[in-house]
Amino acid sequence: AFAPGTGRVALNLVLMAAEGLPRGGTIALYGEPSDLFIRIEGLGATWPEALHDCLRDRTSALAAIGNGRATQTALTALLAFRHGSRISPVLGVGSGVQALRMYSP
């Protein structure tokens, strides 16, 4: 159901979501392949620190490669850039709940 390459981006986001639940919790996907929300909820739930920087532009993502845990985040951002997907944090979802939106403009 995903456009070519977009499925890889979604899969990487789900893997990052799992990493963002150090004390357990839930991952929920809502929407459609062209406008997908990925929500994580749990004690200490958080997306990778490098995510905002990596999503800024290709140069920032390339700079994060080889930086330990930021590598998967950087590669996910680069895949998104390549396949025309946009990833943006969703703000104001409450304590212990964080969400991202992946969409194709």
N, C-alpha and C. Protein backbone atom coordinates (compact mmCIF):
# COMPACT_ATOMS: atom_id res chain seq x y z
N ALA A 1 0.81 -1.20 0.00
CA ALA A 1 0.00 0.00 0.00
C ALA A 1 0.86 1.27 0.00
N PHE A 2 2.12 1.15 0.37
CA PHE A 2 3.01 2.32 0.40
C PHE A 2 3.60 2.57 -0.97
N ALA A 3 3.86 3.84 -1.27
CA ALA A 3 4.57 4.19 -2.49
C ALA A 3 5.98 3.61 -2.40
N PRO A 4 6.62 3.37 -3.57
CA PRO A 4 7.97 2.80 -3.55
C PRO A 4 8.91 3.61 -2.64
N GLY A 5 9.60 2.91 -1.78
CA GLY A 5 10.55 3.55 -0.86
C GLY A 5 9.93 4.06 0.42
N THR A 6 8.67 4.47 0.38
CA THR A 6 8.03 5.02 1.56
C THR A 6 7.84 3.95 2.63
N GLY A 7 7.63 2.72 2.22
CA GLY A 7 7.51 1.62 3.18
C GLY A 7 8.78 1.45 4.00
N ARG A 8 9.93 1.67 3.38
CA ARG A 8 11.20 1.59 4.11
C ARG A 8 11.30 2.68 5.17
N VAL A 9 10.82 3.86 4.82
CA VAL A 9 10.82 4.96 5.77
C VAL A 9 9.92 4.62 6.95
N ALA A 10 8.71 4.13 6.67
CA ALA A 10 7.76 3.76 7.72
C ALA A 10 8.33 2.67 8.62
N LEU A 11 8.96 1.66 8.02
CA LEU A 11 9.55 0.58 8.80
C LEU A 11 10.63 1.11 9.74
N ASN A 12 11.49 1.98 9.23
CA ASN A 12 12.53 2.56 10.08
C ASN A 12 11.94 3.39 11.20
N LEU A 13 10.86 4.12 10.93
CA LEU A 13 10.22 4.90 11.99
C LEU A 13 9.64 4.00 13.07
N VAL A 14 9.09 2.86 12.68
CA VAL A 14 8.56 1.92 13.67
C VAL A 14 9.70 1.33 14.50
N LEU A 15 10.83 1.03 13.87
CA LEU A 15 11.99 0.54 14.63
C LEU A 15 12.49 1.60 15.61
N MET A 16 12.52 2.86 15.17
CA MET A 16 12.93 3.95 16.05
C MET A 16 11.92 4.13 17.19
N ALA A 17 10.64 3.93 16.89
CA ALA A 17 9.60 4.02 17.92
C ALA A 17 9.84 2.98 19.01
N ALA A 18 10.18 1.77 18.60
CA ALA A 18 10.46 0.70 19.57
C ALA A 18 11.64 1.07 20.46
N GLU A 19 12.66 1.67 19.86
CA GLU A 19 13.83 2.11 20.63
C GLU A 19 13.47 3.24 21.59
N GLY A 20 12.43 3.99 21.25
CA GLY A 20 12.03 5.14 22.06
C GLY A 20 11.14 4.79 23.24
N LEU A 21 10.99 3.50 23.51
CA LEU A 21 10.19 3.04 24.64
C LEU A 21 11.07 2.23 25.60
N PRO A 22 11.99 2.89 26.31
CA PRO A 22 12.95 2.16 27.14
C PRO A 22 12.32 1.38 28.30
N ARG A 23 11.13 1.79 28.73
CA ARG A 23 10.47 1.11 29.85
C ARG A 23 9.18 0.44 29.40
N GLY A 24 9.09 0.17 28.10
CA GLY A 24 7.89 -0.44 27.55
C GLY A 24 6.84 0.60 27.22
N GLY A 25 5.81 0.16 26.56
CA GLY A 25 4.74 1.07 26.16
C GLY A 25 4.08 0.56 24.90
N THR A 26 3.44 1.46 24.19
CA THR A 26 2.73 1.06 22.97
C THR A 26 3.14 1.93 21.79
N ILE A 27 3.05 1.31 20.63
CA ILE A 27 3.25 1.99 19.35
C ILE A 27 1.94 1.86 18.60
N ALA A 28 1.41 2.97 18.13
CA ALA A 28 0.16 2.94 17.38
C ALA A 28 0.35 3.67 16.05
N LEU A 29 -0.17 3.08 14.99
CA LEU A 29 -0.13 3.69 13.67
C LEU A 29 -1.57 4.03 13.27
N TYR A 30 -1.75 5.26 12.78
CA TYR A 30 -3.06 5.73 12.37
C TYR A 30 -2.95 6.36 10.99
N GLY A 31 -4.03 6.37 10.27
CA GLY A 31 -4.07 7.06 8.99
C GLY A 31 -3.93 6.12 7.83
N GLU A 32 -3.35 6.66 6.76
CA GLU A 32 -3.17 5.93 5.51
C GLU A 32 -1.70 6.00 5.12
N PRO A 33 -1.27 5.17 4.19
CA PRO A 33 0.14 5.19 3.79
C PRO A 33 0.63 6.57 3.33
N SER A 34 -0.24 7.39 2.76
CA SER A 34 0.19 8.71 2.30
C SER A 34 0.13 9.77 3.39
N ASP A 35 -0.47 9.45 4.53
CA ASP A 35 -0.58 10.39 5.65
C ASP A 35 -0.68 9.57 6.93
N LEU A 36 0.48 9.16 7.44
CA LEU A 36 0.56 8.20 8.54
C LEU A 36 1.03 8.88 9.82
N PHE A 37 0.36 8.57 10.92
CA PHE A 37 0.78 9.03 12.23
C PHE A 37 1.31 7.84 13.00
N ILE A 38 2.47 8.02 13.64
CA ILE A 38 3.06 6.98 14.47
C ILE A 38 3.19 7.55 15.87
N ARG A 39 2.46 6.94 16.81
CA ARG A 39 2.42 7.44 18.17
C ARG A 39 3.07 6.44 19.11
N ILE A 40 3.91 6.95 20.00
CA ILE A 40 4.48 6.11 21.05
C ILE A 40 3.98 6.64 22.39
N GLU A 41 3.70 5.70 23.29
CA GLU A 41 3.20 6.08 24.60
C GLU A 41 3.78 5.14 25.63
N GLY A 42 4.35 5.73 26.67
CA GLY A 42 4.92 4.95 27.76
C GLY A 42 5.81 5.81 28.62
N LEU A 43 6.19 5.27 29.75
CA LEU A 43 7.06 5.99 30.67
C LEU A 43 8.41 6.23 29.99
N GLY A 44 8.80 7.47 29.85
CA GLY A 44 10.06 7.81 29.21
C GLY A 44 10.03 7.74 27.70
N ALA A 45 8.84 7.68 27.10
CA ALA A 45 8.73 7.60 25.64
C ALA A 45 9.34 8.83 24.99
N THR A 46 10.21 8.60 24.02
CA THR A 46 10.84 9.72 23.32
C THR A 46 11.40 9.26 21.98
N TRP A 47 11.32 10.14 21.01
CA TRP A 47 11.96 9.88 19.73
C TRP A 47 13.44 10.23 19.86
N PRO A 48 14.29 9.75 18.96
CA PRO A 48 15.72 10.02 19.07
C PRO A 48 16.03 11.52 19.11
N GLU A 49 17.01 11.85 19.94
CA GLU A 49 17.43 13.24 20.09
C GLU A 49 17.82 13.89 18.77
N ALA A 50 18.46 13.14 17.90
CA ALA A 50 18.97 13.68 16.65
C ALA A 50 17.90 13.87 15.58
N LEU A 51 16.67 13.45 15.86
CA LEU A 51 15.63 13.47 14.83
C LEU A 51 15.39 14.86 14.25
N HIS A 52 15.22 15.86 15.10
CA HIS A 52 14.95 17.21 14.61
C HIS A 52 16.06 17.71 13.70
N ASP A 53 17.31 17.50 14.12
CA ASP A 53 18.44 17.94 13.30
C ASP A 53 18.48 17.20 11.97
N CYS A 54 18.29 15.90 12.00
CA CYS A 54 18.37 15.10 10.77
C CYS A 54 17.27 15.46 9.78
N LEU A 55 16.10 15.84 10.28
CA LEU A 55 14.98 16.16 9.40
C LEU A 55 15.10 17.56 8.79
N ARG A 56 16.01 18.37 9.31
CA ARG A 56 16.17 19.74 8.81
C ARG A 56 16.56 19.76 7.33
N ASP A 57 17.60 19.01 6.99
CA ASP A 57 18.06 18.97 5.60
C ASP A 57 19.04 17.82 5.41
N ARG A 58 19.37 17.55 4.17
CA ARG A 58 20.28 16.43 3.86
C ARG A 58 21.65 16.59 4.51
N THR A 59 22.16 17.81 4.52
CA THR A 59 23.49 18.06 5.09
C THR A 59 23.53 17.69 6.56
N SER A 60 22.50 18.06 7.30
CA SER A 60 22.45 17.72 8.73
C SER A 60 22.35 16.22 8.93
N ALA A 61 21.56 15.55 8.08
CA ALA A 61 21.42 14.10 8.19
C ALA A 61 22.74 13.42 7.87
N LEU A 62 23.42 13.87 6.82
CA LEU A 62 24.71 13.27 6.47
C LEU A 62 25.73 13.46 7.58
N ALA A 63 25.69 14.59 8.26
CA ALA A 63 26.64 14.86 9.35
C ALA A 63 26.43 13.92 10.53
N ALA A 64 25.21 13.40 10.69
CA ALA A 64 24.91 12.53 11.84
C ALA A 64 25.30 11.08 11.60
N ILE A 65 25.57 10.70 10.34
CA ILE A 65 25.95 9.31 10.07
C ILE A 65 27.28 9.01 10.74
N GLY A 66 27.34 7.87 11.38
CA GLY A 66 28.54 7.48 12.10
C GLY A 66 28.56 7.99 13.53
N ASN A 67 27.50 8.69 13.93
CA ASN A 67 27.42 9.25 15.28
C ASN A 67 26.62 8.31 16.18
N GLY A 68 27.08 7.08 16.31
CA GLY A 68 26.45 6.12 17.22
C GLY A 68 24.99 5.89 16.93
N ARG A 69 24.14 6.18 17.92
CA ARG A 69 22.71 5.91 17.83
C ARG A 69 22.00 6.81 16.82
N ALA A 70 22.62 7.87 16.37
CA ALA A 70 21.99 8.79 15.42
C ALA A 70 22.03 8.25 13.99
N THR A 71 22.80 7.19 13.75
CA THR A 71 22.96 6.68 12.39
C THR A 71 21.63 6.23 11.78
N GLN A 72 20.84 5.45 12.51
CA GLN A 72 19.55 5.00 11.95
C GLN A 72 18.63 6.19 11.70
N THR A 73 18.65 7.15 12.60
CA THR A 73 17.83 8.36 12.43
C THR A 73 18.24 9.10 11.18
N ALA A 74 19.54 9.24 10.97
CA ALA A 74 20.05 9.93 9.79
C ALA A 74 19.68 9.19 8.51
N LEU A 75 19.85 7.88 8.51
CA LEU A 75 19.52 7.10 7.32
C LEU A 75 18.02 7.15 7.02
N THR A 76 17.20 7.15 8.06
CA THR A 76 15.75 7.26 7.87
C THR A 76 15.40 8.61 7.24
N ALA A 77 16.02 9.67 7.74
CA ALA A 77 15.77 11.01 7.18
C ALA A 77 16.22 11.07 5.72
N LEU A 78 17.37 10.48 5.41
CA LEU A 78 17.85 10.49 4.03
C LEU A 78 16.92 9.70 3.10
N LEU A 79 16.41 8.57 3.59
CA LEU A 79 15.42 7.81 2.80
C LEU A 79 14.18 8.65 2.55
N ALA A 80 13.72 9.36 3.57
CA ALA A 80 12.54 10.21 3.41
C ALA A 80 12.80 11.30 2.38
N PHE A 81 13.95 11.95 2.46
CA PHE A 81 14.28 12.99 1.47
C PHE A 81 14.29 12.40 0.06
N ARG A 82 14.89 11.24 -0.08
CA ARG A 82 15.03 10.62 -1.40
C ARG A 82 13.67 10.25 -2.01
N HIS A 83 12.75 9.79 -1.17
CA HIS A 83 11.48 9.30 -1.68
C HIS A 83 10.35 10.33 -1.57
N GLY A 84 10.69 11.55 -1.18
CA GLY A 84 9.69 12.61 -1.14
C GLY A 84 8.73 12.56 0.04
N SER A 85 9.09 11.83 1.07
CA SER A 85 8.26 11.78 2.28
C SER A 85 8.66 12.91 3.21
N ARG A 86 7.72 13.43 3.93
CA ARG A 86 7.98 14.44 4.94
C ARG A 86 7.66 13.82 6.29
N ILE A 87 8.51 14.12 7.26
CA ILE A 87 8.30 13.64 8.62
C ILE A 87 8.29 14.85 9.53
N SER A 88 7.27 14.97 10.35
CA SER A 88 7.22 16.10 11.27
C SER A 88 6.68 15.64 12.62
N PRO A 89 7.24 16.19 13.70
CA PRO A 89 6.72 15.88 15.03
C PRO A 89 5.33 16.48 15.20
N VAL A 90 4.50 15.81 15.96
CA VAL A 90 3.19 16.33 16.31
C VAL A 90 3.30 16.85 17.74
N LEU A 91 2.99 18.11 17.95
CA LEU A 91 3.18 18.72 19.26
C LEU A 91 1.91 18.64 20.11
N GLY A 92 2.09 18.75 21.41
CA GLY A 92 0.98 18.86 22.33
C GLY A 92 0.17 17.59 22.52
N VAL A 93 0.83 16.45 22.55
CA VAL A 93 0.10 15.20 22.70
C VAL A 93 0.10 14.67 24.13
N GLY A 94 0.70 15.38 25.05
CA GLY A 94 0.63 14.97 26.45
C GLY A 94 1.89 14.31 26.97
N SER A 95 1.96 14.20 28.27
CA SER A 95 3.11 13.62 28.95
C SER A 95 3.19 12.13 28.68
N GLY A 96 4.35 11.66 28.26
CA GLY A 96 4.55 10.25 28.00
C GLY A 96 4.01 9.78 26.67
N VAL A 97 3.49 10.71 25.85
CA VAL A 97 2.96 10.38 24.53
C VAL A 97 3.64 11.29 23.52
N GLN A 98 4.17 10.70 22.47
CA GLN A 98 4.80 11.49 21.42
C GLN A 98 4.41 10.90 20.08
N ALA A 99 4.24 11.75 19.09
CA ALA A 99 3.83 11.26 17.78
C ALA A 99 4.59 11.96 16.67
N LEU A 100 4.69 11.26 15.54
CA LEU A 100 5.27 11.79 14.32
C LEU A 100 4.23 11.64 13.22
N ARG A 101 4.32 12.50 12.24
CA ARG A 101 3.49 12.39 11.06
C ARG A 101 4.39 12.20 9.85
N MET A 102 4.13 11.18 9.06
CA MET A 102 4.86 10.95 7.82
C MET A 102 3.84 11.10 6.68
N TYR A 103 4.12 12.00 5.77
CA TYR A 103 3.17 12.24 4.69
C TYR A 103 3.90 12.56 3.40
N SER A 104 3.18 12.43 2.32
CA SER A 104 3.71 12.75 1.00
C SER A 104 2.97 13.98 0.49
N PRO A 105 3.70 15.10 0.32
CA PRO A 105 3.04 16.34 -0.13
C PRO A 105 2.49 16.21 -1.54
